[in-house]
Amino acid sequence: MTVVLNDHLRIPEEVLTSKVGDETVLLNLQTGMYYSLDPVGTRFLEVLQRTGRLDEVHHALLEQFDVSTAKLEADLLKLSQDMLARGLLVKDGE
């Protein structure tokens, strides 16, 4: 499944999240898989949970971190794709 910046993503009901220090741990209750996000990944998830929009996450992180637009976009798309493949995110409406 391809991810683009204008996608709307959300955490599915079967995934629990817990913030541990400056990191976030996700648990997929269906698969039993744990997934850990570093502080930048945690910020990604915070903005995504608030807005549901990958482009809003891109905008927020671009303002917060010293990174090029292209690098941030590539990293966000890669992370989103990985989390979708693991069942930790779903596209809205699916």
PDB file of N, CA and C in Angstrom:
ATOM      1  N   MET A   1       0.848  -1.185   0.000  1.00  0.00           N
ATOM      2  CA  MET A   1       0.000   0.000   0.000  1.00  0.00           C
ATOM      3  C   MET A   1       0.891   1.246   0.000  1.00  0.00           C
ATOM      4  N   THR A   2       0.652   2.112  -0.940  1.00  0.00           N
ATOM      5  CA  THR A   2       1.441   3.327  -1.074  1.00  0.00           C
ATOM      6  C   THR A   2       0.892   4.421  -0.169  1.00  0.00           C
ATOM      7  N   VAL A   3       1.811   5.167   0.438  1.00  0.00           N
ATOM      8  CA  VAL A   3       1.444   6.281   1.307  1.00  0.00           C
ATOM      9  C   VAL A   3       1.902   7.571   0.642  1.00  0.00           C
ATOM     10  N   VAL A   4       1.043   8.588   0.668  1.00  0.00           N
ATOM     11  CA  VAL A   4       1.387   9.915   0.160  1.00  0.00           C
ATOM     12  C   VAL A   4       1.063  10.946   1.241  1.00  0.00           C
ATOM     13  N   LEU A   5       1.651  12.129   1.108  1.00  0.00           N
ATOM     14  CA  LEU A   5       1.512  13.142   2.159  1.00  0.00           C
ATOM     15  C   LEU A   5       0.084  13.593   2.416  1.00  0.00           C
ATOM     16  N   ASN A   6      -0.807  13.494   1.449  1.00  0.00           N
ATOM     17  CA  ASN A   6      -2.175  13.955   1.708  1.00  0.00           C
ATOM     18  C   ASN A   6      -3.066  12.849   2.281  1.00  0.00           C
ATOM     19  N   ASP A   7      -2.464  11.715   2.664  1.00  0.00           N
ATOM     20  CA  ASP A   7      -3.236  10.636   3.279  1.00  0.00           C
ATOM     21  C   ASP A   7      -3.686  11.005   4.692  1.00  0.00           C
ATOM     22  N   HIS A   8      -4.822  10.465   5.061  1.00  0.00           N
ATOM     23  CA  HIS A   8      -5.349  10.580   6.416  1.00  0.00           C
ATOM     24  C   HIS A   8      -5.137   9.223   7.072  1.00  0.00           C
ATOM     25  N   LEU A   9      -4.386   9.208   8.159  1.00  0.00           N
ATOM     26  CA  LEU A   9      -4.041   7.967   8.843  1.00  0.00           C
ATOM     27  C   LEU A   9      -4.511   8.015  10.284  1.00  0.00           C
ATOM     28  N   ARG A  10      -4.735   6.826  10.853  1.00  0.00           N
ATOM     29  CA  ARG A  10      -5.117   6.756  12.259  1.00  0.00           C
ATOM     30  C   ARG A  10      -4.631   5.440  12.849  1.00  0.00           C
ATOM     31  N   ILE A  11      -4.605   5.401  14.163  1.00  0.00           N
ATOM     32  CA  ILE A  11      -4.265   4.177  14.881  1.00  0.00           C
ATOM     33  C   ILE A  11      -5.538   3.347  14.994  1.00  0.00           C
ATOM     34  N   PRO A  12      -5.501   2.075  14.585  1.00  0.00           N
ATOM     35  CA  PRO A  12      -6.707   1.252  14.692  1.00  0.00           C
ATOM     36  C   PRO A  12      -7.026   0.898  16.144  1.00  0.00           C
ATOM     37  N   GLU A  13      -8.264   0.506  16.392  1.00  0.00           N
ATOM     38  CA  GLU A  13      -8.724   0.202  17.746  1.00  0.00           C
ATOM     39  C   GLU A  13      -7.922  -0.901  18.419  1.00  0.00           C
ATOM     40  N   GLU A  14      -7.394  -1.840  17.644  1.00  0.00           N
ATOM     41  CA  GLU A  14      -6.675  -2.962  18.235  1.00  0.00           C
ATOM     42  C   GLU A  14      -5.227  -2.645  18.601  1.00  0.00           C
ATOM     43  N   VAL A  15      -4.829  -1.383  18.462  1.00  0.00           N
ATOM     44  CA  VAL A  15      -3.472  -0.971  18.816  1.00  0.00           C
ATOM     45  C   VAL A  15      -3.520  -0.051  20.032  1.00  0.00           C
ATOM     46  N   LEU A  16      -2.772  -0.440  21.058  1.00  0.00           N
ATOM     47  CA  LEU A  16      -2.650   0.372  22.267  1.00  0.00           C
ATOM     48  C   LEU A  16      -1.339   1.139  22.213  1.00  0.00           C
ATOM     49  N   THR A  17      -1.340   2.353  22.757  1.00  0.00           N
ATOM     50  CA  THR A  17      -0.117   3.144  22.824  1.00  0.00           C
ATOM     51  C   THR A  17       0.147   3.535  24.262  1.00  0.00           C
ATOM     52  N   SER A  18       1.431   3.638  24.591  1.00  0.00           N
ATOM     53  CA  SER A  18       1.823   4.073  25.922  1.00  0.00           C
ATOM     54  C   SER A  18       3.121   4.857  25.808  1.00  0.00           C
ATOM     55  N   LYS A  19       3.135   6.034  26.407  1.00  0.00           N
ATOM     56  CA  LYS A  19       4.335   6.852  26.398  1.00  0.00           C
ATOM     57  C   LYS A  19       5.215   6.428  27.568  1.00  0.00           C
ATOM     58  N   VAL A  20       6.470   6.144  27.273  1.00  0.00           N
ATOM     59  CA  VAL A  20       7.442   5.721  28.277  1.00  0.00           C
ATOM     60  C   VAL A  20       8.628   6.672  28.168  1.00  0.00           C
ATOM     61  N   GLY A  21       8.704   7.620  29.097  1.00  0.00           N
ATOM     62  CA  GLY A  21       9.733   8.646  28.992  1.00  0.00           C
ATOM     63  C   GLY A  21       9.462   9.501  27.772  1.00  0.00           C
ATOM     64  N   ASP A  22      10.464   9.623  26.899  1.00  0.00           N
ATOM     65  CA  ASP A  22      10.280  10.417  25.679  1.00  0.00           C
ATOM     66  C   ASP A  22      10.021   9.533  24.458  1.00  0.00           C
ATOM     67  N   GLU A  23       9.737   8.259  24.711  1.00  0.00           N
ATOM     68  CA  GLU A  23       9.429   7.324  23.634  1.00  0.00           C
ATOM     69  C   GLU A  23       7.985   6.845  23.747  1.00  0.00           C
ATOM     70  N   THR A  24       7.498   6.223  22.693  1.00  0.00           N
ATOM     71  CA  THR A  24       6.158   5.647  22.694  1.00  0.00           C
ATOM     72  C   THR A  24       6.256   4.184  22.286  1.00  0.00           C
ATOM     73  N   VAL A  25       5.525   3.344  23.013  1.00  0.00           N
ATOM     74  CA  VAL A  25       5.446   1.924  22.685  1.00  0.00           C
ATOM     75  C   VAL A  25       4.038   1.642  22.186  1.00  0.00           C
ATOM     76  N   LEU A  26       3.948   0.913  21.095  1.00  0.00           N
ATOM     77  CA  LEU A  26       2.658   0.510  20.534  1.00  0.00           C
ATOM     78  C   LEU A  26       2.557  -1.004  20.620  1.00  0.00           C
ATOM     79  N   LEU A  27       1.373  -1.496  20.924  1.00  0.00           N
ATOM     80  CA  LEU A  27       1.119  -2.929  20.980  1.00  0.00           C
ATOM     81  C   LEU A  27      -0.090  -3.239  20.119  1.00  0.00           C
ATOM     82  N   ASN A  28       0.117  -4.087  19.128  1.00  0.00           N
ATOM     83  CA  ASN A  28      -0.986  -4.560  18.298  1.00  0.00           C
ATOM     84  C   ASN A  28      -1.569  -5.782  18.997  1.00  0.00           C
ATOM     85  N   LEU A  29      -2.778  -5.657  19.518  1.00  0.00           N
ATOM     86  CA  LEU A  29      -3.403  -6.733  20.284  1.00  0.00           C
ATOM     87  C   LEU A  29      -3.724  -7.952  19.427  1.00  0.00           C
ATOM     88  N   GLN A  30      -3.904  -7.775  18.131  1.00  0.00           N
ATOM     89  CA  GLN A  30      -4.207  -8.911  17.254  1.00  0.00           C
ATOM     90  C   GLN A  30      -2.973  -9.760  16.971  1.00  0.00           C
ATOM     91  N   THR A  31      -1.829  -9.109  16.819  1.00  0.00           N
ATOM     92  CA  THR A  31      -0.609  -9.840  16.464  1.00  0.00           C
ATOM     93  C   THR A  31       0.327 -10.043  17.647  1.00  0.00           C
ATOM     94  N   GLY A  32       0.137  -9.264  18.715  1.00  0.00           N
ATOM     95  CA  GLY A  32       1.046  -9.325  19.856  1.00  0.00           C
ATOM     96  C   GLY A  32       2.356  -8.597  19.603  1.00  0.00           C
ATOM     97  N   MET A  33       2.454  -7.886  18.488  1.00  0.00           N
ATOM     98  CA  MET A  33       3.680  -7.204  18.117  1.00  0.00           C
ATOM     99  C   MET A  33       3.827  -5.872  18.855  1.00  0.00           C
ATOM    100  N   TYR A  34       5.021  -5.676  19.430  1.00  0.00           N
ATOM    101  CA  TYR A  34       5.382  -4.400  20.037  1.00  0.00           C
ATOM    102  C   TYR A  34       6.174  -3.588  19.029  1.00  0.00           C
ATOM    103  N   TYR A  35       6.058  -2.280  19.122  1.00  0.00           N
ATOM    104  CA  TYR A  35       6.778  -1.376  18.238  1.00  0.00           C
ATOM    105  C   TYR A  35       7.141  -0.158  19.071  1.00  0.00           C
ATOM    106  N   SER A  36       8.375   0.280  18.981  1.00  0.00           N
ATOM    107  CA  SER A  36       8.837   1.412  19.780  1.00  0.00           C
ATOM    108  C   SER A  36       9.198   2.583  18.872  1.00  0.00           C
ATOM    109  N   LEU A  37       8.782   3.776  19.285  1.00  0.00           N
ATOM    110  CA  LEU A  37       9.100   4.998  18.555  1.00  0.00           C
ATOM    111  C   LEU A  37      10.029   5.863  19.395  1.00  0.00           C
ATOM    112  N   ASP A  38      11.073   6.393  18.769  1.00  0.00           N
ATOM    113  CA  ASP A  38      11.982   7.311  19.445  1.00  0.00           C
ATOM    114  C   ASP A  38      11.280   8.660  19.640  1.00  0.00           C
ATOM    115  N   PRO A  39      11.963   9.647  20.238  1.00  0.00           N
ATOM    116  CA  PRO A  39      11.305  10.939  20.479  1.00  0.00           C
ATOM    117  C   PRO A  39      10.743  11.612  19.219  1.00  0.00           C
ATOM    118  N   VAL A  40      11.430  11.510  18.095  1.00  0.00           N
ATOM    119  CA  VAL A  40      10.912  12.110  16.859  1.00  0.00           C
ATOM    120  C   VAL A  40       9.686  11.330  16.382  1.00  0.00           C
ATOM    121  N   GLY A  41       9.761  10.011  16.456  1.00  0.00           N
ATOM    122  CA  GLY A  41       8.614   9.180  16.100  1.00  0.00           C
ATOM    123  C   GLY A  41       7.427   9.435  17.009  1.00  0.00           C
ATOM    124  N   THR A  42       7.723   9.687  18.281  1.00  0.00           N
ATOM    125  CA  THR A  42       6.670  10.009  19.243  1.00  0.00           C
ATOM    126  C   THR A  42       5.983  11.312  18.860  1.00  0.00           C
ATOM    127  N   ARG A  43       6.765  12.297  18.452  1.00  0.00           N
ATOM    128  CA  ARG A  43       6.180  13.574  18.022  1.00  0.00           C
ATOM    129  C   ARG A  43       5.321  13.364  16.768  1.00  0.00           C
ATOM    130  N   PHE A  44       5.810  12.536  15.847  1.00  0.00           N
ATOM    131  CA  PHE A  44       5.041  12.162  14.659  1.00  0.00           C
ATOM    132  C   PHE A  44       3.673  11.635  15.070  1.00  0.00           C
ATOM    133  N   LEU A  45       3.660  10.705  16.014  1.00  0.00           N
ATOM    134  CA  LEU A  45       2.413  10.076  16.430  1.00  0.00           C
ATOM    135  C   LEU A  45       1.496  11.060  17.155  1.00  0.00           C
ATOM    136  N   GLU A  46       2.072  11.943  17.977  1.00  0.00           N
ATOM    137  CA  GLU A  46       1.264  12.939  18.690  1.00  0.00           C
ATOM    138  C   GLU A  46       0.508  13.835  17.712  1.00  0.00           C
ATOM    139  N   VAL A  47       1.220  14.339  16.709  1.00  0.00           N
ATOM    140  CA  VAL A  47       0.576  15.225  15.729  1.00  0.00           C
ATOM    141  C   VAL A  47      -0.426  14.436  14.891  1.00  0.00           C
ATOM    142  N   LEU A  48      -0.066  13.218  14.508  1.00  0.00           N
ATOM    143  CA  LEU A  48      -0.974  12.398  13.710  1.00  0.00           C
ATOM    144  C   LEU A  48      -2.260  12.092  14.470  1.00  0.00           C
ATOM    145  N   GLN A  49      -2.152  11.792  15.757  1.00  0.00           N
ATOM    146  CA  GLN A  49      -3.348  11.506  16.552  1.00  0.00           C
ATOM    147  C   GLN A  49      -4.238  12.738  16.670  1.00  0.00           C
ATOM    148  N   ARG A  50      -3.620  13.902  16.719  1.00  0.00           N
ATOM    149  CA  ARG A  50      -4.388  15.141  16.851  1.00  0.00           C
ATOM    150  C   ARG A  50      -5.056  15.542  15.536  1.00  0.00           C
ATOM    151  N   THR A  51      -4.334  15.400  14.422  1.00  0.00           N
ATOM    152  CA  THR A  51      -4.832  15.911  13.143  1.00  0.00           C
ATOM    153  C   THR A  51      -5.317  14.818  12.188  1.00  0.00           C
ATOM    154  N   GLY A  52      -4.717  13.636  12.275  1.00  0.00           N
ATOM    155  CA  GLY A  52      -5.052  12.552  11.360  1.00  0.00           C
ATOM    156  C   GLY A  52      -4.497  12.734   9.959  1.00  0.00           C
ATOM    157  N   ARG A  53      -3.728  13.788   9.767  1.00  0.00           N
ATOM    158  CA  ARG A  53      -3.248  14.131   8.418  1.00  0.00           C
ATOM    159  C   ARG A  53      -1.728  14.101   8.355  1.00  0.00           C
ATOM    160  N   LEU A  54      -1.209  13.327   7.426  1.00  0.00           N
ATOM    161  CA  LEU A  54       0.232  13.210   7.273  1.00  0.00           C
ATOM    162  C   LEU A  54       0.870  14.525   6.847  1.00  0.00           C
ATOM    163  N   ASP A  55       0.170  15.326   6.039  1.00  0.00           N
ATOM    164  CA  ASP A  55       0.728  16.615   5.630  1.00  0.00           C
ATOM    165  C   ASP A  55       0.848  17.572   6.817  1.00  0.00           C
ATOM    166  N   GLU A  56      -0.060  17.477   7.777  1.00  0.00           N
ATOM    167  CA  GLU A  56       0.024  18.301   8.991  1.00  0.00           C
ATOM    168  C   GLU A  56       1.208  17.865   9.854  1.00  0.00           C
ATOM    169  N   VAL A  57       1.454  16.565   9.904  1.00  0.00           N
ATOM    170  CA  VAL A  57       2.624  16.052  10.626  1.00  0.00           C
ATOM    171  C   VAL A  57       3.885  16.604   9.977  1.00  0.00           C
ATOM    172  N   HIS A  58       3.950  16.552   8.667  1.00  0.00           N
ATOM    173  CA  HIS A  58       5.105  17.061   7.926  1.00  0.00           C
ATOM    174  C   HIS A  58       5.340  18.528   8.256  1.00  0.00           C
ATOM    175  N   HIS A  59       4.290  19.318   8.227  1.00  0.00           N
ATOM    176  CA  HIS A  59       4.399  20.751   8.516  1.00  0.00           C
ATOM    177  C   HIS A  59       4.897  20.990   9.946  1.00  0.00           C
ATOM    178  N   ALA A  60       4.319  20.287  10.911  1.00  0.00           N
ATOM    179  CA  ALA A  60       4.692  20.476  12.318  1.00  0.00           C
ATOM    180  C   ALA A  60       6.142  20.077  12.576  1.00  0.00           C
ATOM    181  N   LEU A  61       6.564  18.947  12.029  1.00  0.00           N
ATOM    182  CA  LEU A  61       7.931  18.485  12.270  1.00  0.00           C
ATOM    183  C   LEU A  61       8.945  19.344  11.533  1.00  0.00           C
ATOM    184  N   LEU A  62       8.573  19.867  10.386  1.00  0.00           N
ATOM    185  CA  LEU A  62       9.458  20.751   9.635  1.00  0.00           C
ATOM    186  C   LEU A  62       9.748  22.020  10.427  1.00  0.00           C
ATOM    187  N   GLU A  63       8.748  22.510  11.148  1.00  0.00           N
ATOM    188  CA  GLU A  63       8.940  23.697  11.986  1.00  0.00           C
ATOM    189  C   GLU A  63       9.764  23.383  13.230  1.00  0.00           C
ATOM    190  N   GLN A  64       9.679  22.160  13.712  1.00  0.00           N
ATOM    191  CA  GLN A  64      10.315  21.796  14.977  1.00  0.00           C
ATOM    192  C   GLN A  64      11.752  21.302  14.824  1.00  0.00           C
ATOM    193  N   PHE A  65      12.068  20.651  13.722  1.00  0.00           N
ATOM    194  CA  PHE A  65      13.378  20.027  13.560  1.00  0.00           C
ATOM    195  C   PHE A  65      14.131  20.622  12.380  1.00  0.00           C
ATOM    196  N   ASP A  66      15.458  20.614  12.488  1.00  0.00           N
ATOM    197  CA  ASP A  66      16.331  21.132  11.440  1.00  0.00           C
ATOM    198  C   ASP A  66      16.574  20.022  10.419  1.00  0.00           C
ATOM    199  N   VAL A  67      15.691  19.943   9.440  1.00  0.00           N
ATOM    200  CA  VAL A  67      15.749  18.891   8.430  1.00  0.00           C
ATOM    201  C   VAL A  67      15.191  19.448   7.124  1.00  0.00           C
ATOM    202  N   SER A  68      15.692  18.930   6.013  1.00  0.00           N
ATOM    203  CA  SER A  68      15.179  19.395   4.721  1.00  0.00           C
ATOM    204  C   SER A  68      13.780  18.836   4.481  1.00  0.00           C
ATOM    205  N   THR A  69      13.028  19.541   3.677  1.00  0.00           N
ATOM    206  CA  THR A  69      11.673  19.113   3.340  1.00  0.00           C
ATOM    207  C   THR A  69      11.678  17.725   2.705  1.00  0.00           C
ATOM    208  N   ALA A  70      12.589  17.509   1.753  1.00  0.00           N
ATOM    209  CA  ALA A  70      12.644  16.225   1.044  1.00  0.00           C
ATOM    210  C   ALA A  70      13.013  15.079   1.976  1.00  0.00           C
ATOM    211  N   LYS A  71      13.981  15.297   2.852  1.00  0.00           N
ATOM    212  CA  LYS A  71      14.410  14.248   3.794  1.00  0.00           C
ATOM    213  C   LYS A  71      13.280  13.905   4.751  1.00  0.00           C
ATOM    214  N   LEU A  72      12.625  14.924   5.292  1.00  0.00           N
ATOM    215  CA  LEU A  72      11.525  14.686   6.221  1.00  0.00           C
ATOM    216  C   LEU A  72      10.383  13.949   5.526  1.00  0.00           C
ATOM    217  N   GLU A  73      10.045  14.357   4.324  1.00  0.00           N
ATOM    218  CA  GLU A  73       8.971  13.684   3.592  1.00  0.00           C
ATOM    219  C   GLU A  73       9.310  12.210   3.377  1.00  0.00           C
ATOM    220  N   ALA A  74      10.533  11.936   2.947  1.00  0.00           N
ATOM    221  CA  ALA A  74      10.948  10.546   2.711  1.00  0.00           C
ATOM    222  C   ALA A  74      10.880   9.732   3.998  1.00  0.00           C
ATOM    223  N   ASP A  75      11.355  10.309   5.099  1.00  0.00           N
ATOM    224  CA  ASP A  75      11.339   9.602   6.387  1.00  0.00           C
ATOM    225  C   ASP A  75       9.916   9.353   6.874  1.00  0.00           C
ATOM    226  N   LEU A  76       9.038  10.350   6.738  1.00  0.00           N
ATOM    227  CA  LEU A  76       7.646  10.185   7.171  1.00  0.00           C
ATOM    228  C   LEU A  76       6.924   9.128   6.348  1.00  0.00           C
ATOM    229  N   LEU A  77       7.148   9.142   5.050  1.00  0.00           N
ATOM    230  CA  LEU A  77       6.499   8.154   4.191  1.00  0.00           C
ATOM    231  C   LEU A  77       7.000   6.749   4.505  1.00  0.00           C
ATOM    232  N   LYS A  78       8.299   6.624   4.761  1.00  0.00           N
ATOM    233  CA  LYS A  78       8.871   5.317   5.101  1.00  0.00           C
ATOM    234  C   LYS A  78       8.309   4.815   6.425  1.00  0.00           C
ATOM    235  N   LEU A  79       8.281   5.665   7.449  1.00  0.00           N
ATOM    236  CA  LEU A  79       7.748   5.278   8.754  1.00  0.00           C
ATOM    237  C   LEU A  79       6.269   4.915   8.644  1.00  0.00           C
ATOM    238  N   SER A  80       5.506   5.719   7.951  1.00  0.00           N
ATOM    239  CA  SER A  80       4.072   5.455   7.788  1.00  0.00           C
ATOM    240  C   SER A  80       3.834   4.137   7.063  1.00  0.00           C
ATOM    241  N   GLN A  81       4.594   3.911   6.008  1.00  0.00           N
ATOM    242  CA  GLN A  81       4.477   2.670   5.234  1.00  0.00           C
ATOM    243  C   GLN A  81       4.780   1.466   6.127  1.00  0.00           C
ATOM    244  N   ASP A  82       5.829   1.563   6.923  1.00  0.00           N
ATOM    245  CA  ASP A  82       6.219   0.475   7.823  1.00  0.00           C
ATOM    246  C   ASP A  82       5.133   0.214   8.861  1.00  0.00           C
ATOM    247  N   MET A  83       4.606   1.281   9.439  1.00  0.00           N
ATOM    248  CA  MET A  83       3.568   1.128  10.460  1.00  0.00           C
ATOM    249  C   MET A  83       2.267   0.588   9.861  1.00  0.00           C
ATOM    250  N   LEU A  84       1.946   0.976   8.636  1.00  0.00           N
ATOM    251  CA  LEU A  84       0.775   0.420   7.942  1.00  0.00           C
ATOM    252  C   LEU A  84       0.957  -1.080   7.710  1.00  0.00           C
ATOM    253  N   ALA A  85       2.138  -1.469   7.256  1.00  0.00           N
ATOM    254  CA  ALA A  85       2.420  -2.877   6.972  1.00  0.00           C
ATOM    255  C   ALA A  85       2.323  -3.731   8.233  1.00  0.00           C
ATOM    256  N   ARG A  86       2.641  -3.147   9.378  1.00  0.00           N
ATOM    257  CA  ARG A  86       2.599  -3.875  10.650  1.00  0.00           C
ATOM    258  C   ARG A  86       1.232  -3.789  11.339  1.00  0.00           C
ATOM    259  N   GLY A  87       0.287  -3.099  10.705  1.00  0.00           N
ATOM    260  CA  GLY A  87      -1.044  -2.981  11.285  1.00  0.00           C
ATOM    261  C   GLY A  87      -1.136  -1.991  12.428  1.00  0.00           C
ATOM    262  N   LEU A  88      -0.160  -1.086  12.528  1.00  0.00           N
ATOM    263  CA  LEU A  88      -0.140  -0.094  13.603  1.00  0.00           C
ATOM    264  C   LEU A  88      -0.821   1.207  13.196  1.00  0.00           C
ATOM    265  N   LEU A  89      -1.007   1.389  11.908  1.00  0.00           N
ATOM    266  CA  LEU A  89      -1.764   2.513  11.357  1.00  0.00           C
ATOM    267  C   LEU A  89      -2.676   1.962  10.268  1.00  0.00           C
ATOM    268  N   VAL A  90      -3.750   2.671  10.012  1.00  0.00           N
ATOM    269  CA  VAL A  90      -4.620   2.372   8.876  1.00  0.00           C
ATOM    270  C   VAL A  90      -4.963   3.692   8.196  1.00  0.00           C
ATOM    271  N   LYS A  91      -5.251   3.595   6.907  1.00  0.00           N
ATOM    272  CA  LYS A  91      -5.742   4.779   6.205  1.00  0.00           C
ATOM    273  C   LYS A  91      -7.173   5.000   6.639  1.00  0.00           C
ATOM    274  N   ASP A  92      -7.538   6.253   6.858  1.00  0.00           N
ATOM    275  CA  ASP A  92      -8.902   6.571   7.274  1.00  0.00           C
ATOM    276  C   ASP A  92      -9.880   6.057   6.232  1.00  0.00           C
ATOM    277  N   GLY A  93     -10.947   5.463   6.697  1.00  0.00           N
ATOM    278  CA  GLY A  93     -11.948   4.912   5.802  1.00  0.00           C
ATOM    279  C   GLY A  93     -11.732   3.447   5.486  1.00  0.00           C
ATOM    280  N   GLU A  94     -10.669   2.868   6.041  1.00  0.00           N
ATOM    281  CA  GLU A  94     -10.407   1.436   5.796  1.00  0.00           C
ATOM    282  C   GLU A  94     -10.618   0.635   7.060  1.00  0.00           C
TER     283      GLU A  94
END
